[in-house]
PDB file of N, CA and C in Angstrom:
ATOM      1  N   UNK A   1     -48.845 -24.556  -2.115  1.00  0.00           N
ATOM      2  CA  UNK A   1     -49.140 -25.920  -1.794  1.00  0.00           C
ATOM      3  C   UNK A   1     -48.455 -26.301  -0.490  1.00  0.00           C
ATOM      4  N   UNK A   2     -49.221 -26.602   0.529  1.00  0.00           N
ATOM      5  CA  UNK A   2     -48.646 -27.126   1.761  1.00  0.00           C
ATOM      6  C   UNK A   2     -48.291 -28.581   1.543  1.00  0.00           C
ATOM      7  N   UNK A   3     -47.299 -29.047   2.271  1.00  0.00           N
ATOM      8  CA  UNK A   3     -46.918 -30.441   2.125  1.00  0.00           C
ATOM      9  C   UNK A   3     -46.134 -30.918   3.327  1.00  0.00           C
ATOM     10  N   UNK A   4     -45.906 -32.205   3.343  1.00  0.00           N
ATOM     11  CA  UNK A   4     -45.135 -32.839   4.400  1.00  0.00           C
ATOM     12  C   UNK A   4     -44.068 -33.733   3.776  1.00  0.00           C
ATOM     13  N   UNK A   5     -42.909 -33.718   4.344  1.00  0.00           N
ATOM     14  CA  UNK A   5     -41.840 -34.635   3.989  1.00  0.00           C
ATOM     15  C   UNK A   5     -41.942 -35.831   4.918  1.00  0.00           C
ATOM     16  N   UNK A   6     -42.113 -37.017   4.374  1.00  0.00           N
ATOM     17  CA  UNK A   6     -42.069 -38.243   5.158  1.00  0.00           C
ATOM     18  C   UNK A   6     -40.667 -38.792   5.018  1.00  0.00           C
ATOM     19  N   UNK A   7     -39.949 -38.905   6.124  1.00  0.00           N
ATOM     20  CA  UNK A   7     -38.552 -39.321   6.071  1.00  0.00           C
ATOM     21  C   UNK A   7     -38.335 -40.525   6.981  1.00  0.00           C
ATOM     22  N   UNK A   8     -37.424 -41.394   6.572  1.00  0.00           N
ATOM     23  CA  UNK A   8     -37.131 -42.610   7.323  1.00  0.00           C
ATOM     24  C   UNK A   8     -35.636 -42.676   7.589  1.00  0.00           C
ATOM     25  N   UNK A   9     -35.295 -42.742   8.869  1.00  0.00           N
ATOM     26  CA  UNK A   9     -33.898 -42.921   9.278  1.00  0.00           C
ATOM     27  C   UNK A   9     -33.726 -44.403   9.588  1.00  0.00           C
ATOM     28  N   UNK A  10     -32.942 -45.095   8.780  1.00  0.00           N
ATOM     29  CA  UNK A  10     -32.731 -46.530   8.925  1.00  0.00           C
ATOM     30  C   UNK A  10     -31.530 -46.771   9.825  1.00  0.00           C
ATOM     31  N   UNK A  11     -31.755 -47.399  10.961  1.00  0.00           N
ATOM     32  CA  UNK A  11     -30.704 -47.584  11.968  1.00  0.00           C
ATOM     33  C   UNK A  11     -29.504 -48.393  11.480  1.00  0.00           C
ATOM     34  N   UNK A  12     -29.673 -49.539  10.816  1.00  0.00           N
ATOM     35  CA  UNK A  12     -28.489 -50.299  10.403  1.00  0.00           C
ATOM     36  C   UNK A  12     -27.542 -49.498   9.507  1.00  0.00           C
ATOM     37  N   UNK A  13     -28.094 -48.625   8.681  1.00  0.00           N
ATOM     38  CA  UNK A  13     -27.244 -47.813   7.805  1.00  0.00           C
ATOM     39  C   UNK A  13     -26.434 -46.787   8.590  1.00  0.00           C
ATOM     40  N   UNK A  14     -26.886 -46.431   9.780  1.00  0.00           N
ATOM     41  CA  UNK A  14     -26.210 -45.416  10.572  1.00  0.00           C
ATOM     42  C   UNK A  14     -25.409 -46.018  11.724  1.00  0.00           C
ATOM     43  N   UNK A  15     -25.457 -47.339  11.855  1.00  0.00           N
ATOM     44  CA  UNK A  15     -24.699 -48.047  12.905  1.00  0.00           C
ATOM     45  C   UNK A  15     -24.895 -47.414  14.281  1.00  0.00           C
ATOM     46  N   UNK A  16     -26.150 -47.127  14.612  1.00  0.00           N
ATOM     47  CA  UNK A  16     -26.506 -46.539  15.905  1.00  0.00           C
ATOM     48  C   UNK A  16     -27.623 -47.360  16.528  1.00  0.00           C
ATOM     49  N   UNK A  17     -27.809 -47.185  17.807  1.00  0.00           N
ATOM     50  CA  UNK A  17     -28.989 -47.764  18.451  1.00  0.00           C
ATOM     51  C   UNK A  17     -30.154 -46.817  18.224  1.00  0.00           C
ATOM     52  N   UNK A  18     -31.366 -47.342  18.356  1.00  0.00           N
ATOM     53  CA  UNK A  18     -32.533 -46.489  18.213  1.00  0.00           C
ATOM     54  C   UNK A  18     -32.529 -45.394  19.281  1.00  0.00           C
ATOM     55  N   UNK A  19     -32.194 -45.766  20.524  1.00  0.00           N
ATOM     56  CA  UNK A  19     -32.147 -44.772  21.600  1.00  0.00           C
ATOM     57  C   UNK A  19     -31.115 -43.690  21.298  1.00  0.00           C
ATOM     58  N   UNK A  20     -29.961 -44.067  20.769  1.00  0.00           N
ATOM     59  CA  UNK A  20     -28.927 -43.094  20.447  1.00  0.00           C
ATOM     60  C   UNK A  20     -29.344 -42.150  19.332  1.00  0.00           C
ATOM     61  N   UNK A  21     -30.006 -42.703  18.308  1.00  0.00           N
ATOM     62  CA  UNK A  21     -30.440 -41.855  17.201  1.00  0.00           C
ATOM     63  C   UNK A  21     -31.585 -40.935  17.625  1.00  0.00           C
ATOM     64  N   UNK A  22     -32.513 -41.452  18.430  1.00  0.00           N
ATOM     65  CA  UNK A  22     -33.579 -40.598  18.955  1.00  0.00           C
ATOM     66  C   UNK A  22     -32.998 -39.462  19.794  1.00  0.00           C
ATOM     67  N   UNK A  23     -31.999 -39.774  20.586  1.00  0.00           N
ATOM     68  CA  UNK A  23     -31.347 -38.747  21.409  1.00  0.00           C
ATOM     69  C   UNK A  23     -30.689 -37.691  20.534  1.00  0.00           C
ATOM     70  N   UNK A  24     -30.060 -38.113  19.461  1.00  0.00           N
ATOM     71  CA  UNK A  24     -29.420 -37.139  18.564  1.00  0.00           C
ATOM     72  C   UNK A  24     -30.469 -36.224  17.932  1.00  0.00           C
ATOM     73  N   UNK A  25     -31.587 -36.827  17.470  1.00  0.00           N
ATOM     74  CA  UNK A  25     -32.646 -35.981  16.915  1.00  0.00           C
ATOM     75  C   UNK A  25     -33.122 -34.973  17.954  1.00  0.00           C
ATOM     76  N   UNK A  26     -33.409 -35.451  19.166  1.00  0.00           N
ATOM     77  CA  UNK A  26     -33.965 -34.591  20.208  1.00  0.00           C
ATOM     78  C   UNK A  26     -32.986 -33.512  20.664  1.00  0.00           C
ATOM     79  N   UNK A  27     -31.735 -33.849  20.808  1.00  0.00           N
ATOM     80  CA  UNK A  27     -30.767 -32.933  21.416  1.00  0.00           C
ATOM     81  C   UNK A  27     -29.895 -32.155  20.433  1.00  0.00           C
ATOM     82  N   UNK A  28     -29.830 -32.602  19.183  1.00  0.00           N
ATOM     83  CA  UNK A  28     -28.981 -31.911  18.218  1.00  0.00           C
ATOM     84  C   UNK A  28     -29.744 -31.475  16.972  1.00  0.00           C
ATOM     85  N   UNK A  29     -30.391 -32.439  16.298  1.00  0.00           N
ATOM     86  CA  UNK A  29     -31.031 -32.139  15.015  1.00  0.00           C
ATOM     87  C   UNK A  29     -32.154 -31.127  15.158  1.00  0.00           C
ATOM     88  N   UNK A  30     -32.996 -31.259  16.180  1.00  0.00           N
ATOM     89  CA  UNK A  30     -34.091 -30.293  16.347  1.00  0.00           C
ATOM     90  C   UNK A  30     -33.563 -28.876  16.520  1.00  0.00           C
ATOM     91  N   UNK A  31     -32.434 -28.732  17.201  1.00  0.00           N
ATOM     92  CA  UNK A  31     -31.816 -27.405  17.376  1.00  0.00           C
ATOM     93  C   UNK A  31     -31.359 -26.851  16.020  1.00  0.00           C
ATOM     94  N   UNK A  32     -30.765 -27.716  15.197  1.00  0.00           N
ATOM     95  CA  UNK A  32     -30.312 -27.279  13.867  1.00  0.00           C
ATOM     96  C   UNK A  32     -31.509 -26.914  13.002  1.00  0.00           C
ATOM     97  N   UNK A  33     -32.570 -27.743  13.051  1.00  0.00           N
ATOM     98  CA  UNK A  33     -33.775 -27.430  12.277  1.00  0.00           C
ATOM     99  C   UNK A  33     -34.353 -26.089  12.708  1.00  0.00           C
ATOM    100  N   UNK A  34     -34.432 -25.861  14.005  1.00  0.00           N
ATOM    101  CA  UNK A  34     -34.969 -24.600  14.506  1.00  0.00           C
ATOM    102  C   UNK A  34     -34.166 -23.418  13.971  1.00  0.00           C
ATOM    103  N   UNK A  35     -32.854 -23.574  13.940  1.00  0.00           N
ATOM    104  CA  UNK A  35     -31.977 -22.520  13.417  1.00  0.00           C
ATOM    105  C   UNK A  35     -32.313 -22.194  11.961  1.00  0.00           C
ATOM    106  N   UNK A  36     -32.726 -23.202  11.204  1.00  0.00           N
ATOM    107  CA  UNK A  36     -33.019 -23.030   9.782  1.00  0.00           C
ATOM    108  C   UNK A  36     -34.513 -22.865   9.492  1.00  0.00           C
ATOM    109  N   UNK A  37     -35.348 -22.787  10.540  1.00  0.00           N
ATOM    110  CA  UNK A  37     -36.776 -22.587  10.351  1.00  0.00           C
ATOM    111  C   UNK A  37     -37.527 -23.823   9.877  1.00  0.00           C
ATOM    112  N   UNK A  38     -36.982 -25.004  10.125  1.00  0.00           N
ATOM    113  CA  UNK A  38     -37.626 -26.261   9.722  1.00  0.00           C
ATOM    114  C   UNK A  38     -38.507 -26.743  10.866  1.00  0.00           C
ATOM    115  N   UNK A  39     -39.776 -27.083  10.534  1.00  0.00           N
ATOM    116  CA  UNK A  39     -40.744 -27.512  11.554  1.00  0.00           C
ATOM    117  C   UNK A  39     -41.007 -29.005  11.429  1.00  0.00           C
ATOM    118  N   UNK A  40     -40.924 -29.700  12.557  1.00  0.00           N
ATOM    119  CA  UNK A  40     -41.272 -31.119  12.537  1.00  0.00           C
ATOM    120  C   UNK A  40     -42.770 -31.276  12.773  1.00  0.00           C
ATOM    121  N   UNK A  41     -43.370 -32.270  12.100  1.00  0.00           N
ATOM    122  CA  UNK A  41     -44.784 -32.584  12.300  1.00  0.00           C
ATOM    123  C   UNK A  41     -44.941 -33.791  13.208  1.00  0.00           C
ATOM    124  N   UNK A  42     -43.879 -34.550  13.431  1.00  0.00           N
ATOM    125  CA  UNK A  42     -43.953 -35.694  14.332  1.00  0.00           C
ATOM    126  C   UNK A  42     -42.846 -36.697  14.083  1.00  0.00           C
ATOM    127  N   UNK A  43     -42.598 -37.513  15.109  1.00  0.00           N
ATOM    128  CA  UNK A  43     -41.632 -38.611  15.057  1.00  0.00           C
ATOM    129  C   UNK A  43     -42.331 -39.878  15.511  1.00  0.00           C
ATOM    130  N   UNK A  44     -41.997 -41.000  14.889  1.00  0.00           N
ATOM    131  CA  UNK A  44     -42.599 -42.275  15.261  1.00  0.00           C
ATOM    132  C   UNK A  44     -41.551 -43.382  15.237  1.00  0.00           C
ATOM    133  N   UNK A  45     -41.755 -44.352  16.121  1.00  0.00           N
ATOM    134  CA  UNK A  45     -41.035 -45.619  16.064  1.00  0.00           C
ATOM    135  C   UNK A  45     -42.093 -46.703  15.939  1.00  0.00           C
ATOM    136  N   UNK A  46     -41.703 -47.865  15.442  1.00  0.00           N
ATOM    137  CA  UNK A  46     -42.659 -48.948  15.233  1.00  0.00           C
ATOM    138  C   UNK A  46     -42.833 -49.760  16.502  1.00  0.00           C
ATOM    139  N   UNK A  47     -44.055 -49.864  16.959  1.00  0.00           N
ATOM    140  CA  UNK A  47     -44.379 -50.672  18.127  1.00  0.00           C
ATOM    141  C   UNK A  47     -44.591 -52.128  17.723  1.00  0.00           C
ATOM    142  N   UNK A  48     -45.352 -52.336  16.653  1.00  0.00           N
ATOM    143  CA  UNK A  48     -45.603 -53.672  16.127  1.00  0.00           C
ATOM    144  C   UNK A  48     -45.383 -53.618  14.622  1.00  0.00           C
ATOM    145  N   UNK A  49     -44.594 -54.528  14.093  1.00  0.00           N
ATOM    146  CA  UNK A  49     -44.346 -54.572  12.656  1.00  0.00           C
ATOM    147  C   UNK A  49     -42.885 -54.832  12.354  1.00  0.00           C
ATOM    148  N   UNK A  50     -42.567 -54.815  11.077  1.00  0.00           N
ATOM    149  CA  UNK A  50     -41.229 -55.169  10.619  1.00  0.00           C
ATOM    150  C   UNK A  50     -40.234 -54.012  10.649  1.00  0.00           C
ATOM    151  N   UNK A  51     -40.663 -52.811  10.942  1.00  0.00           N
ATOM    152  CA  UNK A  51     -39.803 -51.638  10.824  1.00  0.00           C
ATOM    153  C   UNK A  51     -39.177 -51.216  12.144  1.00  0.00           C
ATOM    154  N   UNK A  52     -38.832 -52.150  12.994  1.00  0.00           N
ATOM    155  CA  UNK A  52     -38.305 -51.794  14.310  1.00  0.00           C
ATOM    156  C   UNK A  52     -36.919 -51.161  14.238  1.00  0.00           C
ATOM    157  N   UNK A  53     -36.296 -51.169  13.078  1.00  0.00           N
ATOM    158  CA  UNK A  53     -34.986 -50.561  12.912  1.00  0.00           C
ATOM    159  C   UNK A  53     -35.052 -49.209  12.213  1.00  0.00           C
ATOM    160  N   UNK A  54     -36.205 -48.576  12.260  1.00  0.00           N
ATOM    161  CA  UNK A  54     -36.392 -47.288  11.612  1.00  0.00           C
ATOM    162  C   UNK A  54     -36.959 -46.262  12.585  1.00  0.00           C
ATOM    163  N   UNK A  55     -36.640 -45.010  12.320  1.00  0.00           N
ATOM    164  CA  UNK A  55     -37.306 -43.884  12.957  1.00  0.00           C
ATOM    165  C   UNK A  55     -37.967 -43.119  11.821  1.00  0.00           C
ATOM    166  N   UNK A  56     -39.258 -42.930  11.924  1.00  0.00           N
ATOM    167  CA  UNK A  56     -40.018 -42.268  10.873  1.00  0.00           C
ATOM    168  C   UNK A  56     -40.406 -40.887  11.385  1.00  0.00           C
ATOM    169  N   UNK A  57     -40.212 -39.882  10.550  1.00  0.00           N
ATOM    170  CA  UNK A  57     -40.578 -38.532  10.963  1.00  0.00           C
ATOM    171  C   UNK A  57     -41.102 -37.746   9.780  1.00  0.00           C
ATOM    172  N   UNK A  58     -41.854 -36.689  10.108  1.00  0.00           N
ATOM    173  CA  UNK A  58     -42.402 -35.820   9.077  1.00  0.00           C
ATOM    174  C   UNK A  58     -42.017 -34.374   9.360  1.00  0.00           C
ATOM    175  N   UNK A  59     -41.758 -33.662   8.300  1.00  0.00           N
ATOM    176  CA  UNK A  59     -41.484 -32.228   8.356  1.00  0.00           C
ATOM    177  C   UNK A  59     -42.629 -31.510   7.659  1.00  0.00           C
ATOM    178  N   UNK A  60     -43.030 -30.367   8.174  1.00  0.00           N
ATOM    179  CA  UNK A  60     -44.151 -29.598   7.613  1.00  0.00           C
ATOM    180  C   UNK A  60     -43.637 -28.401   6.833  1.00  0.00           C
ATOM    181  N   UNK A  61     -44.190 -28.204   5.654  1.00  0.00           N
ATOM    182  CA  UNK A  61     -43.797 -27.089   4.783  1.00  0.00           C
ATOM    183  C   UNK A  61     -45.031 -26.314   4.360  1.00  0.00           C
ATOM    184  N   UNK A  62     -44.900 -24.995   4.259  1.00  0.00           N
ATOM    185  CA  UNK A  62     -45.988 -24.157   3.760  1.00  0.00           C
ATOM    186  C   UNK A  62     -46.029 -24.142   2.235  1.00  0.00           C
ATOM    187  N   UNK A  63     -44.872 -24.423   1.602  1.00  0.00           N
ATOM    188  CA  UNK A  63     -44.813 -24.407   0.138  1.00  0.00           C
ATOM    189  C   UNK A  63     -43.560 -25.140  -0.328  1.00  0.00           C
ATOM    190  N   UNK A  64     -43.530 -25.476  -1.604  1.00  0.00           N
ATOM    191  CA  UNK A  64     -42.327 -26.087  -2.180  1.00  0.00           C
ATOM    192  C   UNK A  64     -41.156 -25.113  -2.129  1.00  0.00           C
ATOM    193  N   UNK A  65     -41.436 -23.845  -2.333  1.00  0.00           N
ATOM    194  CA  UNK A  65     -40.367 -22.844  -2.292  1.00  0.00           C
ATOM    195  C   UNK A  65     -39.731 -22.799  -0.906  1.00  0.00           C
ATOM    196  N   UNK A  66     -40.566 -22.855   0.147  1.00  0.00           N
ATOM    197  CA  UNK A  66     -40.023 -22.872   1.506  1.00  0.00           C
ATOM    198  C   UNK A  66     -39.167 -24.113   1.710  1.00  0.00           C
ATOM    199  N   UNK A  67     -39.668 -25.266   1.270  1.00  0.00           N
ATOM    200  CA  UNK A  67     -38.918 -26.511   1.429  1.00  0.00           C
ATOM    201  C   UNK A  67     -37.566 -26.423   0.729  1.00  0.00           C
ATOM    202  N   UNK A  68     -37.553 -25.997  -0.513  1.00  0.00           N
ATOM    203  CA  UNK A  68     -36.303 -25.923  -1.277  1.00  0.00           C
ATOM    204  C   UNK A  68     -35.299 -24.989  -0.594  1.00  0.00           C
ATOM    205  N   UNK A  69     -35.780 -23.846  -0.132  1.00  0.00           N
ATOM    206  CA  UNK A  69     -34.893 -22.871   0.508  1.00  0.00           C
ATOM    207  C   UNK A  69     -34.343 -23.414   1.827  1.00  0.00           C
ATOM    208  N   UNK A  70     -35.222 -23.809   2.723  1.00  0.00           N
ATOM    209  CA  UNK A  70     -34.796 -24.219   4.066  1.00  0.00           C
ATOM    210  C   UNK A  70     -34.050 -25.547   4.054  1.00  0.00           C
ATOM    211  N   UNK A  71     -34.511 -26.521   3.292  1.00  0.00           N
ATOM    212  CA  UNK A  71     -33.849 -27.828   3.266  1.00  0.00           C
ATOM    213  C   UNK A  71     -32.473 -27.711   2.607  1.00  0.00           C
ATOM    214  N   UNK A  72     -32.357 -26.871   1.596  1.00  0.00           N
ATOM    215  CA  UNK A  72     -31.068 -26.663   0.944  1.00  0.00           C
ATOM    216  C   UNK A  72     -30.029 -26.093   1.898  1.00  0.00           C
ATOM    217  N   UNK A  73     -30.425 -25.126   2.710  1.00  0.00           N
ATOM    218  CA  UNK A  73     -29.509 -24.551   3.699  1.00  0.00           C
ATOM    219  C   UNK A  73     -29.164 -25.599   4.757  1.00  0.00           C
ATOM    220  N   UNK A  74     -30.159 -26.381   5.183  1.00  0.00           N
ATOM    221  CA  UNK A  74     -29.909 -27.433   6.171  1.00  0.00           C
ATOM    222  C   UNK A  74     -28.908 -28.458   5.650  1.00  0.00           C
ATOM    223  N   UNK A  75     -29.029 -28.863   4.393  1.00  0.00           N
ATOM    224  CA  UNK A  75     -28.124 -29.872   3.837  1.00  0.00           C
ATOM    225  C   UNK A  75     -26.676 -29.406   3.839  1.00  0.00           C
ATOM    226  N   UNK A  76     -26.461 -28.099   3.804  1.00  0.00           N
ATOM    227  CA  UNK A  76     -25.098 -27.562   3.840  1.00  0.00           C
ATOM    228  C   UNK A  76     -24.554 -27.452   5.261  1.00  0.00           C
ATOM    229  N   UNK A  77     -25.396 -27.657   6.281  1.00  0.00           N
ATOM    230  CA  UNK A  77     -24.964 -27.542   7.676  1.00  0.00           C
ATOM    231  C   UNK A  77     -24.127 -28.766   8.055  1.00  0.00           C
ATOM    232  N   UNK A  78     -22.924 -28.579   8.581  1.00  0.00           N
ATOM    233  CA  UNK A  78     -22.061 -29.723   8.907  1.00  0.00           C
ATOM    234  C   UNK A  78     -22.585 -30.607  10.036  1.00  0.00           C
ATOM    235  N   UNK A  79     -23.511 -30.144  10.850  1.00  0.00           N
ATOM    236  CA  UNK A  79     -24.032 -30.947  11.950  1.00  0.00           C
ATOM    237  C   UNK A  79     -25.269 -31.743  11.601  1.00  0.00           C
ATOM    238  N   UNK A  80     -25.678 -31.714  10.355  1.00  0.00           N
ATOM    239  CA  UNK A  80     -26.952 -32.310   9.960  1.00  0.00           C
ATOM    240  C   UNK A  80     -26.918 -33.829   9.904  1.00  0.00           C
ATOM    241  N   UNK A  81     -28.114 -34.405   9.944  1.00  0.00           N
ATOM    242  CA  UNK A  81     -28.329 -35.801   9.592  1.00  0.00           C
ATOM    243  C   UNK A  81     -29.706 -35.873   8.974  1.00  0.00           C
ATOM    244  N   UNK A  82     -29.901 -36.788   8.070  1.00  0.00           N
ATOM    245  CA  UNK A  82     -31.217 -36.943   7.464  1.00  0.00           C
ATOM    246  C   UNK A  82     -31.373 -38.375   6.996  1.00  0.00           C
ATOM    247  N   UNK A  83     -32.593 -38.730   6.636  1.00  0.00           N
ATOM    248  CA  UNK A  83     -32.904 -40.042   6.098  1.00  0.00           C
ATOM    249  C   UNK A  83     -33.484 -39.883   4.718  1.00  0.00           C
ATOM    250  N   UNK A  84     -33.875 -40.994   4.121  1.00  0.00           N
ATOM    251  CA  UNK A  84     -34.505 -40.903   2.814  1.00  0.00           C
ATOM    252  C   UNK A  84     -35.892 -40.334   2.986  1.00  0.00           C
ATOM    253  N   UNK A  85     -36.414 -39.693   1.953  1.00  0.00           N
ATOM    254  CA  UNK A  85     -37.694 -39.036   2.139  1.00  0.00           C
ATOM    255  C   UNK A  85     -38.609 -39.058   0.938  1.00  0.00           C
ATOM    256  N   UNK A  86     -39.857 -38.714   1.191  1.00  0.00           N
ATOM    257  CA  UNK A  86     -40.885 -38.543   0.178  1.00  0.00           C
ATOM    258  C   UNK A  86     -41.612 -37.247   0.500  1.00  0.00           C
ATOM    259  N   UNK A  87     -41.971 -36.477  -0.504  1.00  0.00           N
ATOM    260  CA  UNK A  87     -42.752 -35.268  -0.276  1.00  0.00           C
ATOM    261  C   UNK A  87     -44.219 -35.608  -0.495  1.00  0.00           C
ATOM    262  N   UNK A  88     -45.045 -35.373   0.521  1.00  0.00           N
ATOM    263  CA  UNK A  88     -46.460 -35.720   0.489  1.00  0.00           C
ATOM    264  C   UNK A  88     -47.318 -34.457   0.432  1.00  0.00           C
ATOM    265  N   UNK A  89     -48.442 -34.546  -0.221  1.00  0.00           N
ATOM    266  CA  UNK A  89     -49.424 -33.478  -0.211  1.00  0.00           C
ATOM    267  C   UNK A  89     -50.753 -34.083   0.247  1.00  0.00           C
ATOM    268  N   UNK A  90     -51.521 -33.393   1.101  1.00  0.00           N
ATOM    269  CA  UNK A  90     -52.729 -33.999   1.653  1.00  0.00           C
ATOM    270  C   UNK A  90     -53.851 -34.167   0.626  1.00  0.00           C
ATOM    271  N   UNK A  91     -54.596 -35.256   0.776  1.00  0.00           N
ATOM    272  CA  UNK A  91     -55.807 -35.457  -0.008  1.00  0.00           C
ATOM    273  C   UNK A  91     -56.858 -34.457   0.490  1.00  0.00           C
ATOM    274  N   UNK A  92     -57.850 -34.176  -0.317  1.00  0.00           N
ATOM    275  CA  UNK A  92     -58.870 -33.181   0.035  1.00  0.00           C
ATOM    276  C   UNK A  92     -59.560 -33.495   1.355  1.00  0.00           C
ATOM    277  N   UNK A  93     -59.706 -34.757   1.705  1.00  0.00           N
ATOM    278  CA  UNK A  93     -60.425 -35.152   2.929  1.00  0.00           C
ATOM    279  C   UNK A  93     -59.503 -35.439   4.112  1.00  0.00           C
ATOM    280  N   UNK A  94     -58.218 -35.193   3.963  1.00  0.00           N
ATOM    281  CA  UNK A  94     -57.245 -35.486   5.020  1.00  0.00           C
ATOM    282  C   UNK A  94     -57.430 -34.585   6.232  1.00  0.00           C
ATOM    283  N   UNK A  95     -57.321 -35.175   7.428  1.00  0.00           N
ATOM    284  CA  UNK A  95     -57.393 -34.382   8.663  1.00  0.00           C
ATOM    285  C   UNK A  95     -56.152 -33.514   8.826  1.00  0.00           C
ATOM    286  N   UNK A  96     -55.026 -33.958   8.289  1.00  0.00           N
ATOM    287  CA  UNK A  96     -53.786 -33.180   8.318  1.00  0.00           C
ATOM    288  C   UNK A  96     -53.701 -32.396   7.026  1.00  0.00           C
ATOM    289  N   UNK A  97     -53.648 -31.091   7.146  1.00  0.00           N
ATOM    290  CA  UNK A  97     -53.593 -30.229   5.945  1.00  0.00           C
ATOM    291  C   UNK A  97     -52.250 -29.564   5.840  1.00  0.00           C
TER     292      UNK A  97
END
């Protein structure tokens, strides 16, 4: 089962600016993910709406087993950061599989 993790990094909880947190993802977290074989599917910020204090991102997984293995190792990494998440699976008609 392929799936995606939808994760939300809430800025007030991390006492950072959006620019600072985006910089950390780009310059530190992506390097750590690459080391652990974690693939990002995308990052988003809110242009219009109530979520201007969040960074939303998705991670792509080939299977639950891959997610459990790779995410578990990542959580033990001292340089990590993460947000709350949901594991999504695509509907049959979804353009993203």
